[in-house]
Amino acid sequence: MDAIVIEGARVILEDRIERAAVRIEGGRITGLDVARDGAARIDARGKTLAPAFVDIHGDAFERQIMPRPGVTVPIDAAILETDRHLAVNGIATAYHALTLSWEPGLRSVETGWDMLRSLTRLRPRLTVENRLQLRWETFCPDAIPLMAEALAAKDVPAVAFNDHTSSALLHPSVALHDRPFDLVPDYPVTDINAPAFRAKMDGRAKRSLMDQDAYIALMLSVWNRRPRVADDIAVVAAMAAERGAPMLSHDDSQTETRDFYRAHGARIAEFPMHERVFLSARERGDWIVLGAPNAMRGGSHLGSPGAADMITRGLCDILASDYFYPAMLGAVVRLLADGVASLPTLWKLVSANPAAAMGLVDRGRIAPGQRADLLLLDWPDQGIPAPIRTWVAGRGGYSALPDGALQQAQMA
């Protein structure tokens, strides 16, 4: 790739912000404030240059596959459109949270196979580095062959342990964030004929292209698999460990839950639901992930601990897009405005820290030798920032510069 020097921008570095010229060549950052040596020049005066985002959990792609309940589109078209959404929002590395469930429809193993094969087929055409988070429902042994194939791929996926079956069947007398460890013998189960439970299942049934009674009957048959779940978890964890895949546990509500998954190699606590889990994870040196929409909106839509408070207390390391890609930038803006931390510190939550947690040591920072995953922002004083250019490994992935500005940014 031809060398480029981005000049005049306010650059977000690991521990400070300074005006610097950033030189990129061959997909890498080759220096700060070094000689131009005939490189093309981009005039970025008045702009902000930052490391591009690393998103370790995003499921907004589901809305591209199923834009309305029960309405699906061809998966190749959905992935291509998702790739554009990612680039536009400054995300250079994305782990799609691909739910592998016993449910038919959107979150089925069949859809998972389609997604895996489509990503493999489309990879040469994609702008962003599209990876997978195998968001495995632990009551779904049928997904294990798919995970084995995905784990054999060059771009190693992450593996997230989910149990939405137990949480869906939780008795209403127990708050979701207080539910016991999912595998306890006396787990409190709801009355399946209760109106509130049936109403809750209605949306899931539609997503699965089933009527409500059939969906509930399927869920109960799956619940009967409970005695084998612990053994299946051990099998999947061993597969992931052998491949060196990062592992996460999702929505932990008890320290016992976190301890169980940590013992299987899951050193990332994703969206903990109670303070005790945050404290346990921090004490044991686990990575802690929260949703960027939580931070952007000023709180969790599920009543879980607020991201801003956890960041202030040193109990959150990573923010993920969750269900809304623009939230990664939006979260930084909100947290900065609220005085939660400095901009370099906040930016680590969406770049350097998620890269480190995923074992991607070549990205997430603006420093010589790092991959040239960069985001140029129009960020006026007292204004809302807007991505105007994204680079992925030095390739121009997105540009919203107007014609005049783009012309100005050509060869010096």
Foldseek 3Di string as FASTA:
>chain_A
DFKEWEAAAFEQFQPDTDGWIWIDDQQFTADINDDCVQGFYFDQHLWYKYFFFAFQEEALLLCLQPVDQPDGDQSLVSVQVVLLVCFQLRHQHYAYAQADDPFAASNHLVVVVSNVVSCVVCVVVGQHHYHHAHAYALLDLVNVVVLLVQCPDPRHYAYEYDHVLLLLQAAPVAQSLQFDQSLDPCGHGHDCPDPVSLVVQCSVCSNRVHHSVVVVVSSVVSVVSSVCSLVSLLVSLVSCVVSVFAYEYEQANDCVNVVSVVVSPHQEYEAHQDPVNLVSSVVVVGAYEYELVLQLVVHDPSRGDGPLVCVLVVSHQAYHPYNHSNSLLSNLVSSVVVVSDDSSRSQRRGFVRVCVSRVNNQGRGRDRRHRPFMWMWNDDVVDRIGTAWTHHSNHTSHGNDDPVSVVVSTGD
